[in-house]
Amino acid sequence: MDTREKILSRAGLHEVLEEHRRASRKVVFAHGVFDLLHAGHVRHLAAARSEGDLLVVGVHSDAAAKKLKGDGRPLLTERARAVLVAALASVDYVVVFDEADVMPIIREFQPDVLAAGSDATPDDPCGGELAAHGIRVASTAIQSTDSTTALIARVRKSGHGN
């Protein structure tokens, strides 16, 4: 599948998910900024994909990424980040969303599973709400060193980021 076919609007994703749900496929949702795609992202999304039949990845828009990560971020445009994520074999569909808070998009799409990084905990404030909607949280084992922020810091420290 061409990456362009994997990147959908919210309306397009609703249509596609309706078809998959009619076929009783389990939908997994993962999300992030995905600024500078790295091995941690690849491992996280591969682990997420193993939690169900179909992996949808929400990519934060440029505005949401800036709000979450601060000035100077994102380094890549939302379109470029969506294309990189869509190119991964483990990813079935990508949707770009404007909210910094992921809960509205989770409520909107109602995945069966939310794939969260290792920093997610069962007592996370949104955990109860997710359970109430029948959404299981699956934690993937991502190391804190596997982060874009850590990678950028290492590049800047080495002097290659100037």
C-alpha atoms as a PDB file:
ATOM      1  CA  MET A   1       0.000   0.000   0.000  1.00  0.00           C
ATOM      2  CA  ASP A   2       1.271   3.441  -0.945  1.00  0.00           C
ATOM      3  CA  THR A   3       1.913   5.650   2.110  1.00  0.00           C
ATOM      4  CA  ARG A   4      -0.500   8.216   0.687  1.00  0.00           C
ATOM      5  CA  GLU A   5      -3.275   5.629   0.963  1.00  0.00           C
ATOM      6  CA  LYS A   6      -2.408   5.058   4.605  1.00  0.00           C
ATOM      7  CA  ILE A   7      -2.680   8.725   5.655  1.00  0.00           C
ATOM      8  CA  LEU A   8      -6.343   9.506   6.166  1.00  0.00           C
ATOM      9  CA  SER A   9      -8.485  12.420   7.232  1.00  0.00           C
ATOM     10  CA  ARG A  10     -10.544  11.911  10.350  1.00  0.00           C
ATOM     11  CA  ALA A  11     -13.653  11.332   8.213  1.00  0.00           C
ATOM     12  CA  GLY A  12     -11.765   8.861   6.031  1.00  0.00           C
ATOM     13  CA  LEU A  13     -10.504   6.992   9.072  1.00  0.00           C
ATOM     14  CA  HIS A  14     -14.052   6.688  10.442  1.00  0.00           C
ATOM     15  CA  GLU A  15     -15.138   5.043   7.171  1.00  0.00           C
ATOM     16  CA  VAL A  16     -12.215   2.613   7.126  1.00  0.00           C
ATOM     17  CA  LEU A  17     -12.614   1.675  10.792  1.00  0.00           C
ATOM     18  CA  GLU A  18     -16.307   0.995  10.276  1.00  0.00           C
ATOM     19  CA  GLU A  19     -15.397  -1.591   7.625  1.00  0.00           C
ATOM     20  CA  HIS A  20     -12.778  -3.224   9.856  1.00  0.00           C
ATOM     21  CA  ARG A  21     -15.127  -3.342  12.824  1.00  0.00           C
ATOM     22  CA  ARG A  22     -17.812  -5.044  10.717  1.00  0.00           C
ATOM     23  CA  ALA A  23     -15.169  -7.703  10.075  1.00  0.00           C
ATOM     24  CA  SER A  24     -14.562  -7.948  13.873  1.00  0.00           C
ATOM     25  CA  ARG A  25     -10.972  -6.722  13.622  1.00  0.00           C
ATOM     26  CA  LYS A  26      -9.353  -5.433  16.807  1.00  0.00           C
ATOM     27  CA  VAL A  27      -8.188  -1.814  16.401  1.00  0.00           C
ATOM     28  CA  VAL A  28      -5.044  -0.630  18.187  1.00  0.00           C
ATOM     29  CA  PHE A  29      -4.287   3.082  18.490  1.00  0.00           C
ATOM     30  CA  ALA A  30      -0.882   4.636  19.185  1.00  0.00           C
ATOM     31  CA  HIS A  31       0.027   8.292  19.077  1.00  0.00           C
ATOM     32  CA  GLY A  32       2.928  10.695  19.279  1.00  0.00           C
ATOM     33  CA  VAL A  33       4.815  13.529  17.707  1.00  0.00           C
ATOM     34  CA  PHE A  34       7.257  11.211  15.874  1.00  0.00           C
ATOM     35  CA  ASP A  35       9.731  14.018  15.278  1.00  0.00           C
ATOM     36  CA  LEU A  36      12.895  12.338  13.959  1.00  0.00           C
ATOM     37  CA  LEU A  37      11.718   8.759  13.615  1.00  0.00           C
ATOM     38  CA  HIS A  38      14.087   6.457  15.539  1.00  0.00           C
ATOM     39  CA  ALA A  39      14.462   2.842  16.670  1.00  0.00           C
ATOM     40  CA  GLY A  40      12.376   3.433  19.808  1.00  0.00           C
ATOM     41  CA  HIS A  41       9.442   4.511  17.652  1.00  0.00           C
ATOM     42  CA  VAL A  42       9.847   1.482  15.397  1.00  0.00           C
ATOM     43  CA  ARG A  43       9.952  -0.920  18.381  1.00  0.00           C
ATOM     44  CA  HIS A  44       6.946   0.789  20.017  1.00  0.00           C
ATOM     45  CA  LEU A  45       4.815   0.613  16.875  1.00  0.00           C
ATOM     46  CA  ALA A  46       5.795  -2.996  16.145  1.00  0.00           C
ATOM     47  CA  ALA A  47       4.816  -3.943  19.702  1.00  0.00           C
ATOM     48  CA  ALA A  48       1.599  -1.955  19.354  1.00  0.00           C
ATOM     49  CA  ARG A  49       0.703  -3.769  16.140  1.00  0.00           C
ATOM     50  CA  SER A  50       1.039  -7.126  17.896  1.00  0.00           C
ATOM     51  CA  GLU A  51      -1.793  -6.112  20.260  1.00  0.00           C
ATOM     52  CA  GLY A  52      -4.486  -6.356  17.582  1.00  0.00           C
ATOM     53  CA  ASP A  53      -5.410  -6.762  13.945  1.00  0.00           C
ATOM     54  CA  LEU A  54      -4.937  -3.192  12.780  1.00  0.00           C
ATOM     55  CA  LEU A  55      -2.706  -0.313  13.941  1.00  0.00           C
ATOM     56  CA  VAL A  56      -3.834   3.292  13.625  1.00  0.00           C
ATOM     57  CA  VAL A  57      -1.271   5.934  14.551  1.00  0.00           C
ATOM     58  CA  GLY A  58      -2.243   9.457  15.495  1.00  0.00           C
ATOM     59  CA  VAL A  59       0.434  12.021  14.694  1.00  0.00           C
ATOM     60  CA  HIS A  60       0.234  15.344  16.525  1.00  0.00           C
ATOM     61  CA  SER A  61      -0.079  18.312  14.167  1.00  0.00           C
ATOM     62  CA  ASP A  62       2.649  20.947  14.043  1.00  0.00           C
ATOM     63  CA  ALA A  63       0.687  23.215  16.410  1.00  0.00           C
ATOM     64  CA  ALA A  64       0.047  20.413  18.912  1.00  0.00           C
ATOM     65  CA  ALA A  65       3.678  19.265  18.724  1.00  0.00           C
ATOM     66  CA  LYS A  66       4.902  22.781  19.482  1.00  0.00           C
ATOM     67  CA  LYS A  67       2.512  23.003  22.430  1.00  0.00           C
ATOM     68  CA  LEU A  68       3.754  19.639  23.760  1.00  0.00           C
ATOM     69  CA  LYS A  69       7.470  19.956  23.026  1.00  0.00           C
ATOM     70  CA  GLY A  70       8.112  23.720  23.061  1.00  0.00           C
ATOM     71  CA  ASP A  71       9.745  26.221  20.738  1.00  0.00           C
ATOM     72  CA  GLY A  72      11.941  24.768  18.037  1.00  0.00           C
ATOM     73  CA  ARG A  73       9.761  21.694  17.659  1.00  0.00           C
ATOM     74  CA  PRO A  74       8.705  19.943  15.649  1.00  0.00           C
ATOM     75  CA  LEU A  75      11.778  19.655  13.474  1.00  0.00           C
ATOM     76  CA  LEU A  76       9.825  18.040  10.635  1.00  0.00           C
ATOM     77  CA  THR A  77       6.425  19.079   9.308  1.00  0.00           C
ATOM     78  CA  GLU A  78       3.329  17.100  10.240  1.00  0.00           C
ATOM     79  CA  ARG A  79       3.093  15.850   6.656  1.00  0.00           C
ATOM     80  CA  ALA A  80       6.698  14.601   6.662  1.00  0.00           C
ATOM     81  CA  ARG A  81       6.196  12.915  10.042  1.00  0.00           C
ATOM     82  CA  ALA A  82       2.973  11.267   8.848  1.00  0.00           C
ATOM     83  CA  VAL A  83       4.710   9.939   5.713  1.00  0.00           C
ATOM     84  CA  LEU A  84       7.576   8.477   7.762  1.00  0.00           C
ATOM     85  CA  VAL A  85       5.204   6.734  10.172  1.00  0.00           C
ATOM     86  CA  ALA A  86       3.016   5.480   7.313  1.00  0.00           C
ATOM     87  CA  ALA A  87       6.080   3.936   5.652  1.00  0.00           C
ATOM     88  CA  LEU A  88       6.474   1.465   8.515  1.00  0.00           C
ATOM     89  CA  ALA A  89       5.142  -2.019   7.762  1.00  0.00           C
ATOM     90  CA  SER A  90       3.548  -2.281  11.220  1.00  0.00           C
ATOM     91  CA  VAL A  91       1.340   0.772  10.594  1.00  0.00           C
ATOM     92  CA  ASP A  92      -1.974   0.369   8.791  1.00  0.00           C
ATOM     93  CA  TYR A  93      -3.286   3.949   8.950  1.00  0.00           C
ATOM     94  CA  VAL A  94      -2.144   7.391  10.077  1.00  0.00           C
ATOM     95  CA  VAL A  95      -4.259  10.370  11.060  1.00  0.00           C
ATOM     96  CA  VAL A  96      -2.921  13.837  11.933  1.00  0.00           C
ATOM     97  CA  PHE A  97      -4.745  15.503  14.801  1.00  0.00           C
ATOM     98  CA  ASP A  98      -4.632  19.001  16.276  1.00  0.00           C
ATOM     99  CA  GLU A  99      -5.270  18.268  19.929  1.00  0.00           C
ATOM    100  CA  ALA A 100      -2.317  18.236  22.334  1.00  0.00           C
ATOM    101  CA  ASP A 101      -4.439  16.046  24.629  1.00  0.00           C
ATOM    102  CA  VAL A 102      -4.969  12.640  23.035  1.00  0.00           C
ATOM    103  CA  MET A 103      -8.170  11.791  24.937  1.00  0.00           C
ATOM    104  CA  PRO A 104     -10.561  13.536  22.507  1.00  0.00           C
ATOM    105  CA  ILE A 105      -9.273  11.498  19.564  1.00  0.00           C
ATOM    106  CA  ILE A 106      -9.387   8.296  21.604  1.00  0.00           C
ATOM    107  CA  ARG A 107     -13.005   9.049  22.530  1.00  0.00           C
ATOM    108  CA  GLU A 108     -13.746   9.820  18.887  1.00  0.00           C
ATOM    109  CA  PHE A 109     -12.309   6.627  17.383  1.00  0.00           C
ATOM    110  CA  GLN A 110     -12.904   4.205  20.282  1.00  0.00           C
ATOM    111  CA  PRO A 111     -10.022   1.790  19.621  1.00  0.00           C
ATOM    112  CA  ASP A 112     -10.048  -1.606  21.307  1.00  0.00           C
ATOM    113  CA  VAL A 113      -6.495  -1.057  22.561  1.00  0.00           C
ATOM    114  CA  LEU A 114      -4.427   2.029  23.333  1.00  0.00           C
ATOM    115  CA  ALA A 115      -0.723   1.315  22.939  1.00  0.00           C
ATOM    116  CA  ALA A 116       1.146   3.414  25.467  1.00  0.00           C
ATOM    117  CA  GLY A 117       4.833   3.798  26.178  1.00  0.00           C
ATOM    118  CA  SER A 118       6.443   2.279  29.251  1.00  0.00           C
ATOM    119  CA  ASP A 119       5.807   5.530  31.139  1.00  0.00           C
ATOM    120  CA  ALA A 120       2.062   4.771  31.200  1.00  0.00           C
ATOM    121  CA  THR A 121       0.815   3.428  34.500  1.00  0.00           C
ATOM    122  CA  PRO A 122      -2.391   1.597  35.415  1.00  0.00           C
ATOM    123  CA  ASP A 123      -3.342   4.443  37.784  1.00  0.00           C
ATOM    124  CA  ASP A 124      -2.990   7.073  35.047  1.00  0.00           C
ATOM    125  CA  PRO A 125      -5.921   9.507  35.327  1.00  0.00           C
ATOM    126  CA  CYS A 126      -7.300   8.551  31.913  1.00  0.00           C
ATOM    127  CA  GLY A 127      -7.058   4.819  32.706  1.00  0.00           C
ATOM    128  CA  GLY A 128     -10.464   4.703  34.383  1.00  0.00           C
ATOM    129  CA  GLU A 129     -12.121   6.512  31.522  1.00  0.00           C
ATOM    130  CA  LEU A 130     -10.528   4.193  28.986  1.00  0.00           C
ATOM    131  CA  ALA A 131     -11.658   1.120  30.924  1.00  0.00           C
ATOM    132  CA  ALA A 132     -15.178   2.551  31.127  1.00  0.00           C
ATOM    133  CA  HIS A 133     -15.190   2.689  27.320  1.00  0.00           C
ATOM    134  CA  GLY A 134     -13.849  -0.869  27.066  1.00  0.00           C
ATOM    135  CA  ILE A 135     -10.429   0.274  25.870  1.00  0.00           C
ATOM    136  CA  ARG A 136      -7.501  -1.799  27.103  1.00  0.00           C
ATOM    137  CA  VAL A 137      -4.151  -0.050  27.672  1.00  0.00           C
ATOM    138  CA  ALA A 138      -1.155  -2.051  26.452  1.00  0.00           C
ATOM    139  CA  SER A 139       2.220  -0.822  27.636  1.00  0.00           C
ATOM    140  CA  THR A 140       5.141  -1.247  25.257  1.00  0.00           C
ATOM    141  CA  ALA A 141       8.674  -1.406  26.602  1.00  0.00           C
ATOM    142  CA  ILE A 142      10.289   1.791  25.348  1.00  0.00           C
ATOM    143  CA  GLN A 143      13.452   2.951  27.061  1.00  0.00           C
ATOM    144  CA  SER A 144      13.675   6.583  28.156  1.00  0.00           C
ATOM    145  CA  THR A 145      16.873   6.835  26.103  1.00  0.00           C
ATOM    146  CA  ASP A 146      14.762   6.044  23.042  1.00  0.00           C
ATOM    147  CA  SER A 147      13.316   9.521  22.686  1.00  0.00           C
ATOM    148  CA  THR A 148      13.633  12.286  20.163  1.00  0.00           C
ATOM    149  CA  THR A 149      14.298  14.777  22.966  1.00  0.00           C
ATOM    150  CA  ALA A 150      17.241  12.652  24.190  1.00  0.00           C
ATOM    151  CA  LEU A 151      18.522  12.264  20.625  1.00  0.00           C
ATOM    152  CA  ILE A 152      18.378  16.017  19.987  1.00  0.00           C
ATOM    153  CA  ALA A 153      20.198  16.666  23.274  1.00  0.00           C
ATOM    154  CA  ARG A 154      22.969  14.212  22.315  1.00  0.00           C
ATOM    155  CA  VAL A 155      23.382  15.858  18.890  1.00  0.00           C
ATOM    156  CA  ARG A 156      23.537  19.331  20.422  1.00  0.00           C
ATOM    157  CA  LYS A 157      26.012  18.194  23.086  1.00  0.00           C
ATOM    158  CA  SER A 158      28.269  16.691  20.424  1.00  0.00           C
ATOM    159  CA  GLY A 159      28.384  20.024  18.603  1.00  0.00           C
ATOM    160  CA  HIS A 160      26.786  18.626  15.435  1.00  0.00           C
ATOM    161  CA  GLY A 161      23.534  20.504  16.019  1.00  0.00           C
ATOM    162  CA  ASN A 162      25.013  23.999  15.573  1.00  0.00           C
END
